[in-house]
Amino acid sequence: MDRPRRASGGQLVYTELRRRILDLDLQPGQRLYEPELAAELQVSRTPLREALRLLLAEDLLDQLPTGGMVVRQLSAGEIEELYTVRAALEGLMAAEAARRMDPVTRSRLTALVDRNAKLVELPDDAMNAGHDFHLAIAEVAGHGWASRLHGQVDGQMARYRAFTNHSQERRTAALAEHRGILEALMAGDVDRSRSLAEAHVLAARDVALSAIGERLDAR
């Protein structure tokens, strides 16, 4: 009988460091010192270096000319690119999902938006609830390539997502946008589902750009 594979030391270290980067516990531009990290995480240099190579390949770290590594800076240009790509993918998947709606799917998506409404005043919980709604649409769409590309973009966007959900005004607006998308999906309106999903992501982009601009100006 095959035994379940255990994660390697490098994978475990990668998971922890990636979480810290995405949660901004490791600050953009912060230099990483291997001896310090190895001691803190209680690992040898080998799994640590394996983890750092994975994070470098994922563009979450930048390598210095001297060979050291720093957490990649937040970037307005990156926001433009990521959110524009995501808008196109979300639009495509919403259009596909509108064609695949059934009673079970309608009930599931409605429950997710209702949960979003209950948590709208809690920044982290509202963000997670809204994210779950988007992931459910992707699952309903059943578009393999779009889903894979969406997953890659989604991982990179995690550092920016909190900025788009910081204010109550934006959380309330995002909830209204989710309700609009749900209504279009329930009606099986392919074109409206696509346009509302795209507009929702681009609205989040504008909020993120404003927040990052304020952060950079404050330096």
C-alpha atoms as a PDB file:
ATOM      1  CA  MET A   1       0.000   0.000   0.000  1.00  0.00           C
ATOM      2  CA  ASP A   2       1.331   3.440  -0.941  1.00  0.00           C
ATOM      3  CA  ARG A   3       2.041   5.711   1.975  1.00  0.00           C
ATOM      4  CA  PRO A   4       1.149   9.404   1.741  1.00  0.00           C
ATOM      5  CA  ARG A   5       4.148  11.494   0.768  1.00  0.00           C
ATOM      6  CA  ARG A   6       5.493  13.768   3.450  1.00  0.00           C
ATOM      7  CA  ALA A   7       6.443  17.328   2.587  1.00  0.00           C
ATOM      8  CA  SER A   8      10.181  17.873   2.430  1.00  0.00           C
ATOM      9  CA  GLY A   9      11.934  20.237   4.817  1.00  0.00           C
ATOM     10  CA  GLY A  10      12.409  22.694   1.987  1.00  0.00           C
ATOM     11  CA  GLN A  11       8.704  22.633   1.139  1.00  0.00           C
ATOM     12  CA  LEU A  12       7.737  23.269   4.754  1.00  0.00           C
ATOM     13  CA  VAL A  13      10.134  26.206   4.994  1.00  0.00           C
ATOM     14  CA  TYR A  14       8.865  27.504   1.643  1.00  0.00           C
ATOM     15  CA  THR A  15       5.270  27.389   2.869  1.00  0.00           C
ATOM     16  CA  GLU A  16       6.096  29.336   6.021  1.00  0.00           C
ATOM     17  CA  LEU A  17       8.219  31.978   4.281  1.00  0.00           C
ATOM     18  CA  ARG A  18       5.654  32.375   1.518  1.00  0.00           C
ATOM     19  CA  ARG A  19       2.958  32.968   4.128  1.00  0.00           C
ATOM     20  CA  ARG A  20       5.078  35.638   5.792  1.00  0.00           C
ATOM     21  CA  ILE A  21       5.736  37.374   2.477  1.00  0.00           C
ATOM     22  CA  LEU A  22       2.083  37.339   1.399  1.00  0.00           C
ATOM     23  CA  ASP A  23       0.924  38.523   4.843  1.00  0.00           C
ATOM     24  CA  LEU A  24       3.580  41.280   4.720  1.00  0.00           C
ATOM     25  CA  ASP A  25       5.179  39.938   7.906  1.00  0.00           C
ATOM     26  CA  LEU A  26       8.327  40.016   5.800  1.00  0.00           C
ATOM     27  CA  GLN A  27       8.264  43.551   4.462  1.00  0.00           C
ATOM     28  CA  PRO A  28       8.783  44.468   0.792  1.00  0.00           C
ATOM     29  CA  GLY A  29      12.445  45.313   0.286  1.00  0.00           C
ATOM     30  CA  GLN A  30      13.513  43.447   3.440  1.00  0.00           C
ATOM     31  CA  ARG A  31      16.777  41.555   3.043  1.00  0.00           C
ATOM     32  CA  LEU A  32      16.811  37.921   4.097  1.00  0.00           C
ATOM     33  CA  TYR A  33      19.788  36.655   6.052  1.00  0.00           C
ATOM     34  CA  GLU A  34      20.242  32.902   5.850  1.00  0.00           C
ATOM     35  CA  PRO A  35      21.908  32.310   9.246  1.00  0.00           C
ATOM     36  CA  GLU A  36      19.225  34.352  11.004  1.00  0.00           C
ATOM     37  CA  LEU A  37      16.351  32.608   9.201  1.00  0.00           C
ATOM     38  CA  ALA A  38      17.846  29.158   9.688  1.00  0.00           C
ATOM     39  CA  ALA A  39      18.152  29.763  13.426  1.00  0.00           C
ATOM     40  CA  GLU A  40      14.650  31.221  13.713  1.00  0.00           C
ATOM     41  CA  LEU A  41      13.026  28.392  11.763  1.00  0.00           C
ATOM     42  CA  GLN A  42      15.281  25.763  13.361  1.00  0.00           C
ATOM     43  CA  VAL A  43      16.354  24.264  10.035  1.00  0.00           C
ATOM     44  CA  SER A  44      19.647  23.675   8.302  1.00  0.00           C
ATOM     45  CA  ARG A  45      20.841  25.832   5.415  1.00  0.00           C
ATOM     46  CA  THR A  46      19.976  23.158   2.807  1.00  0.00           C
ATOM     47  CA  PRO A  47      16.154  23.221   3.131  1.00  0.00           C
ATOM     48  CA  LEU A  48      16.271  26.976   3.616  1.00  0.00           C
ATOM     49  CA  ARG A  49      18.129  27.468   0.355  1.00  0.00           C
ATOM     50  CA  GLU A  50      15.702  25.125  -1.395  1.00  0.00           C
ATOM     51  CA  ALA A  51      12.815  27.264  -0.133  1.00  0.00           C
ATOM     52  CA  LEU A  52      14.499  30.504  -1.189  1.00  0.00           C
ATOM     53  CA  ARG A  53      15.067  29.145  -4.700  1.00  0.00           C
ATOM     54  CA  LEU A  54      11.359  28.307  -4.969  1.00  0.00           C
ATOM     55  CA  LEU A  55      10.358  31.785  -3.791  1.00  0.00           C
ATOM     56  CA  LEU A  56      12.814  33.358  -6.224  1.00  0.00           C
ATOM     57  CA  ALA A  57      11.316  31.319  -9.090  1.00  0.00           C
ATOM     58  CA  GLU A  58       7.864  32.517  -8.000  1.00  0.00           C
ATOM     59  CA  ASP A  59       9.013  36.161  -8.218  1.00  0.00           C
ATOM     60  CA  LEU A  60       8.366  36.777  -4.544  1.00  0.00           C
ATOM     61  CA  LEU A  61      12.061  37.443  -3.956  1.00  0.00           C
ATOM     62  CA  ASP A  62      14.671  39.378  -5.911  1.00  0.00           C
ATOM     63  CA  GLN A  63      18.327  38.417  -6.039  1.00  0.00           C
ATOM     64  CA  LEU A  64      20.894  41.101  -5.367  1.00  0.00           C
ATOM     65  CA  PRO A  65      24.084  41.418  -7.455  1.00  0.00           C
ATOM     66  CA  THR A  66      25.965  40.335  -4.345  1.00  0.00           C
ATOM     67  CA  GLY A  67      23.976  37.086  -4.234  1.00  0.00           C
ATOM     68  CA  GLY A  68      21.724  37.979  -1.308  1.00  0.00           C
ATOM     69  CA  MET A  69      17.936  38.029  -1.563  1.00  0.00           C
ATOM     70  CA  VAL A  70      15.299  40.609  -0.695  1.00  0.00           C
ATOM     71  CA  VAL A  71      11.514  40.469  -0.582  1.00  0.00           C
ATOM     72  CA  ARG A  72      10.205  41.836  -3.851  1.00  0.00           C
ATOM     73  CA  GLN A  73       8.928  45.397  -3.654  1.00  0.00           C
ATOM     74  CA  LEU A  74       5.271  46.241  -4.094  1.00  0.00           C
ATOM     75  CA  SER A  75       4.793  47.766  -7.521  1.00  0.00           C
ATOM     76  CA  ALA A  76       2.101  49.847  -9.199  1.00  0.00           C
ATOM     77  CA  GLY A  77       3.187  48.388 -12.531  1.00  0.00           C
ATOM     78  CA  GLU A  78       2.743  44.866 -11.215  1.00  0.00           C
ATOM     79  CA  ILE A  79      -0.734  45.752  -9.934  1.00  0.00           C
ATOM     80  CA  GLU A  80      -1.716  46.998 -13.405  1.00  0.00           C
ATOM     81  CA  GLU A  81      -0.509  43.798 -15.042  1.00  0.00           C
ATOM     82  CA  LEU A  82      -1.876  41.324 -12.498  1.00  0.00           C
ATOM     83  CA  TYR A  83      -5.320  42.866 -12.168  1.00  0.00           C
ATOM     84  CA  THR A  84      -5.721  43.364 -15.922  1.00  0.00           C
ATOM     85  CA  VAL A  85      -4.911  39.695 -16.542  1.00  0.00           C
ATOM     86  CA  ARG A  86      -7.143  38.607 -13.682  1.00  0.00           C
ATOM     87  CA  ALA A  87     -10.031  40.717 -14.963  1.00  0.00           C
ATOM     88  CA  ALA A  88      -9.885  38.930 -18.312  1.00  0.00           C
ATOM     89  CA  LEU A  89      -9.746  35.514 -16.623  1.00  0.00           C
ATOM     90  CA  GLU A  90     -12.549  36.317 -14.176  1.00  0.00           C
ATOM     91  CA  GLY A  91     -14.698  37.560 -17.059  1.00  0.00           C
ATOM     92  CA  LEU A  92     -14.076  34.402 -19.055  1.00  0.00           C
ATOM     93  CA  MET A  93     -14.853  32.130 -16.122  1.00  0.00           C
ATOM     94  CA  ALA A  94     -17.989  34.058 -15.127  1.00  0.00           C
ATOM     95  CA  ALA A  95     -19.262  33.750 -18.697  1.00  0.00           C
ATOM     96  CA  GLU A  96     -18.592  30.005 -18.655  1.00  0.00           C
ATOM     97  CA  ALA A  97     -20.199  29.634 -15.226  1.00  0.00           C
ATOM     98  CA  ALA A  98     -23.340  31.435 -16.453  1.00  0.00           C
ATOM     99  CA  ARG A  99     -23.773  28.660 -19.008  1.00  0.00           C
ATOM    100  CA  ARG A 100     -23.451  25.939 -16.369  1.00  0.00           C
ATOM    101  CA  MET A 101     -25.772  27.125 -13.624  1.00  0.00           C
ATOM    102  CA  ASP A 102     -28.073  24.562 -12.008  1.00  0.00           C
ATOM    103  CA  PRO A 103     -30.102  24.530  -8.765  1.00  0.00           C
ATOM    104  CA  VAL A 104     -27.226  23.180  -6.675  1.00  0.00           C
ATOM    105  CA  THR A 105     -24.779  25.751  -8.041  1.00  0.00           C
ATOM    106  CA  ARG A 106     -27.261  28.596  -7.543  1.00  0.00           C
ATOM    107  CA  SER A 107     -27.754  27.597  -3.931  1.00  0.00           C
ATOM    108  CA  ARG A 108     -24.021  27.301  -3.322  1.00  0.00           C
ATOM    109  CA  LEU A 109     -23.141  30.704  -4.812  1.00  0.00           C
ATOM    110  CA  THR A 110     -26.045  32.386  -3.034  1.00  0.00           C
ATOM    111  CA  ALA A 111     -24.826  30.991   0.294  1.00  0.00           C
ATOM    112  CA  LEU A 112     -21.342  32.355  -0.357  1.00  0.00           C
ATOM    113  CA  VAL A 113     -22.628  35.857  -1.090  1.00  0.00           C
ATOM    114  CA  ASP A 114     -24.877  35.700   1.990  1.00  0.00           C
ATOM    115  CA  ARG A 115     -21.813  34.770   4.043  1.00  0.00           C
ATOM    116  CA  ASN A 116     -19.929  37.703   2.511  1.00  0.00           C
ATOM    117  CA  ALA A 117     -22.787  40.001   3.605  1.00  0.00           C
ATOM    118  CA  LYS A 118     -22.652  38.757   7.193  1.00  0.00           C
ATOM    119  CA  LEU A 119     -18.904  39.381   7.381  1.00  0.00           C
ATOM    120  CA  VAL A 120     -18.732  42.636   5.416  1.00  0.00           C
ATOM    121  CA  GLU A 121     -17.676  44.685   8.440  1.00  0.00           C
ATOM    122  CA  LEU A 122     -14.698  42.418   9.213  1.00  0.00           C
ATOM    123  CA  PRO A 123     -11.778  43.135   6.833  1.00  0.00           C
ATOM    124  CA  ASP A 124     -10.044  39.747   6.832  1.00  0.00           C
ATOM    125  CA  ASP A 125     -13.208  37.667   6.999  1.00  0.00           C
ATOM    126  CA  ALA A 126     -14.909  39.685   4.274  1.00  0.00           C
ATOM    127  CA  MET A 127     -11.838  39.352   2.083  1.00  0.00           C
ATOM    128  CA  ASN A 128     -11.765  35.575   2.535  1.00  0.00           C
ATOM    129  CA  ALA A 129     -15.504  35.249   1.933  1.00  0.00           C
ATOM    130  CA  GLY A 130     -15.290  37.245  -1.275  1.00  0.00           C
ATOM    131  CA  HIS A 131     -12.300  35.226  -2.405  1.00  0.00           C
ATOM    132  CA  ASP A 132     -14.240  32.003  -1.807  1.00  0.00           C
ATOM    133  CA  PHE A 133     -17.009  33.326  -4.068  1.00  0.00           C
ATOM    134  CA  HIS A 134     -14.530  33.911  -6.886  1.00  0.00           C
ATOM    135  CA  LEU A 135     -12.971  30.484  -6.445  1.00  0.00           C
ATOM    136  CA  ALA A 136     -16.404  28.869  -6.556  1.00  0.00           C
ATOM    137  CA  ILE A 137     -17.173  30.618  -9.854  1.00  0.00           C
ATOM    138  CA  ALA A 138     -13.877  29.328 -11.237  1.00  0.00           C
ATOM    139  CA  GLU A 139     -14.808  25.817 -10.167  1.00  0.00           C
ATOM    140  CA  VAL A 140     -18.270  26.046 -11.730  1.00  0.00           C
ATOM    141  CA  ALA A 141     -16.783  27.366 -14.980  1.00  0.00           C
ATOM    142  CA  GLY A 142     -14.771  24.175 -15.394  1.00  0.00           C
ATOM    143  CA  HIS A 143     -12.272  25.862 -17.711  1.00  0.00           C
ATOM    144  CA  GLY A 144      -8.990  24.061 -17.090  1.00  0.00           C
ATOM    145  CA  TRP A 145      -6.491  26.497 -18.571  1.00  0.00           C
ATOM    146  CA  ALA A 146      -8.252  29.584 -17.231  1.00  0.00           C
ATOM    147  CA  SER A 147      -8.368  27.982 -13.788  1.00  0.00           C
ATOM    148  CA  ARG A 148      -4.658  27.145 -13.826  1.00  0.00           C
ATOM    149  CA  LEU A 149      -3.657  30.626 -14.989  1.00  0.00           C
ATOM    150  CA  HIS A 150      -6.046  32.148 -12.461  1.00  0.00           C
ATOM    151  CA  GLY A 151      -4.352  30.175  -9.694  1.00  0.00           C
ATOM    152  CA  GLN A 152      -0.932  31.505 -10.682  1.00  0.00           C
ATOM    153  CA  VAL A 153      -2.122  35.104 -10.838  1.00  0.00           C
ATOM    154  CA  ASP A 154      -4.114  34.702  -7.628  1.00  0.00           C
ATOM    155  CA  GLY A 155      -1.004  33.630  -5.739  1.00  0.00           C
ATOM    156  CA  GLN A 156       0.902  36.700  -6.859  1.00  0.00           C
ATOM    157  CA  MET A 157      -2.014  38.994  -5.991  1.00  0.00           C
ATOM    158  CA  ALA A 158      -2.243  37.839  -2.388  1.00  0.00           C
ATOM    159  CA  ARG A 159       0.139  40.597  -1.256  1.00  0.00           C
ATOM    160  CA  TYR A 160      -2.175  43.227  -2.735  1.00  0.00           C
ATOM    161  CA  ARG A 161      -5.578  41.808  -1.813  1.00  0.00           C
ATOM    162  CA  ALA A 162      -5.610  43.232   1.713  1.00  0.00           C
ATOM    163  CA  PHE A 163      -5.136  46.743   0.321  1.00  0.00           C
ATOM    164  CA  THR A 164      -8.338  46.408  -1.724  1.00  0.00           C
ATOM    165  CA  ASN A 165     -10.423  45.460   1.310  1.00  0.00           C
ATOM    166  CA  HIS A 166      -9.101  47.905   3.887  1.00  0.00           C
ATOM    167  CA  SER A 167     -11.975  50.407   3.926  1.00  0.00           C
ATOM    168  CA  GLN A 168     -15.582  49.718   4.823  1.00  0.00           C
ATOM    169  CA  GLU A 169     -16.615  51.711   1.764  1.00  0.00           C
ATOM    170  CA  ARG A 170     -14.769  49.311  -0.552  1.00  0.00           C
ATOM    171  CA  ARG A 171     -16.004  46.200   1.278  1.00  0.00           C
ATOM    172  CA  THR A 172     -19.590  47.411   0.901  1.00  0.00           C
ATOM    173  CA  ALA A 173     -19.060  48.216  -2.768  1.00  0.00           C
ATOM    174  CA  ALA A 174     -17.429  44.831  -3.389  1.00  0.00           C
ATOM    175  CA  LEU A 175     -20.389  43.077  -1.786  1.00  0.00           C
ATOM    176  CA  ALA A 176     -22.784  44.965  -4.074  1.00  0.00           C
ATOM    177  CA  GLU A 177     -20.630  43.941  -7.036  1.00  0.00           C
ATOM    178  CA  HIS A 178     -20.725  40.300  -5.920  1.00  0.00           C
ATOM    179  CA  ARG A 179     -24.510  40.487  -5.701  1.00  0.00           C
ATOM    180  CA  GLY A 180     -24.656  41.884  -9.218  1.00  0.00           C
ATOM    181  CA  ILE A 181     -22.451  39.114 -10.556  1.00  0.00           C
ATOM    182  CA  LEU A 182     -24.573  36.517  -8.744  1.00  0.00           C
ATOM    183  CA  GLU A 183     -27.766  37.974 -10.222  1.00  0.00           C
ATOM    184  CA  ALA A 184     -26.313  37.805 -13.742  1.00  0.00           C
ATOM    185  CA  LEU A 185     -25.134  34.241 -13.185  1.00  0.00           C
ATOM    186  CA  MET A 186     -28.536  33.174 -11.834  1.00  0.00           C
ATOM    187  CA  ALA A 187     -30.160  34.648 -14.940  1.00  0.00           C
ATOM    188  CA  GLY A 188     -27.733  32.804 -17.187  1.00  0.00           C
ATOM    189  CA  ASP A 189     -26.729  36.152 -18.731  1.00  0.00           C
ATOM    190  CA  VAL A 190     -23.321  35.339 -20.233  1.00  0.00           C
ATOM    191  CA  ASP A 191     -22.394  38.836 -21.447  1.00  0.00           C
ATOM    192  CA  ARG A 192     -23.458  40.615 -18.266  1.00  0.00           C
ATOM    193  CA  SER A 193     -21.701  38.044 -16.073  1.00  0.00           C
ATOM    194  CA  ARG A 194     -18.499  38.627 -18.020  1.00  0.00           C
ATOM    195  CA  SER A 195     -18.679  42.426 -17.934  1.00  0.00           C
ATOM    196  CA  LEU A 196     -19.581  42.641 -14.232  1.00  0.00           C
ATOM    197  CA  ALA A 197     -16.803  40.214 -13.231  1.00  0.00           C
ATOM    198  CA  GLU A 198     -14.250  42.210 -15.219  1.00  0.00           C
ATOM    199  CA  ALA A 199     -15.475  45.530 -13.813  1.00  0.00           C
ATOM    200  CA  HIS A 200     -15.299  44.163 -10.262  1.00  0.00           C
ATOM    201  CA  VAL A 201     -11.622  43.216 -10.613  1.00  0.00           C
ATOM    202  CA  LEU A 202     -10.733  46.526 -12.250  1.00  0.00           C
ATOM    203  CA  ALA A 203     -12.445  48.426  -9.423  1.00  0.00           C
ATOM    204  CA  ALA A 204     -10.300  46.496  -6.942  1.00  0.00           C
ATOM    205  CA  ARG A 205      -7.253  47.363  -9.067  1.00  0.00           C
ATOM    206  CA  ASP A 206      -7.982  51.079  -8.759  1.00  0.00           C
ATOM    207  CA  VAL A 207      -8.294  50.813  -4.976  1.00  0.00           C
ATOM    208  CA  ALA A 208      -5.025  48.858  -4.760  1.00  0.00           C
ATOM    209  CA  LEU A 209      -3.221  51.411  -6.930  1.00  0.00           C
ATOM    210  CA  SER A 210      -4.410  54.234  -4.702  1.00  0.00           C
ATOM    211  CA  ALA A 211      -3.348  52.396  -1.534  1.00  0.00           C
ATOM    212  CA  ILE A 212       0.069  51.493  -2.905  1.00  0.00           C
ATOM    213  CA  GLY A 213       0.579  55.049  -4.102  1.00  0.00           C
ATOM    214  CA  GLU A 214      -0.096  56.337  -0.590  1.00  0.00           C
ATOM    215  CA  ARG A 215       2.275  53.740   0.859  1.00  0.00           C
ATOM    216  CA  LEU A 216       5.086  54.698  -1.515  1.00  0.00           C
ATOM    217  CA  ASP A 217       4.519  58.428  -0.945  1.00  0.00           C
ATOM    218  CA  ALA A 218       4.783  57.908   2.821  1.00  0.00           C
ATOM    219  CA  ARG A 219       8.323  56.559   2.599  1.00  0.00           C
END
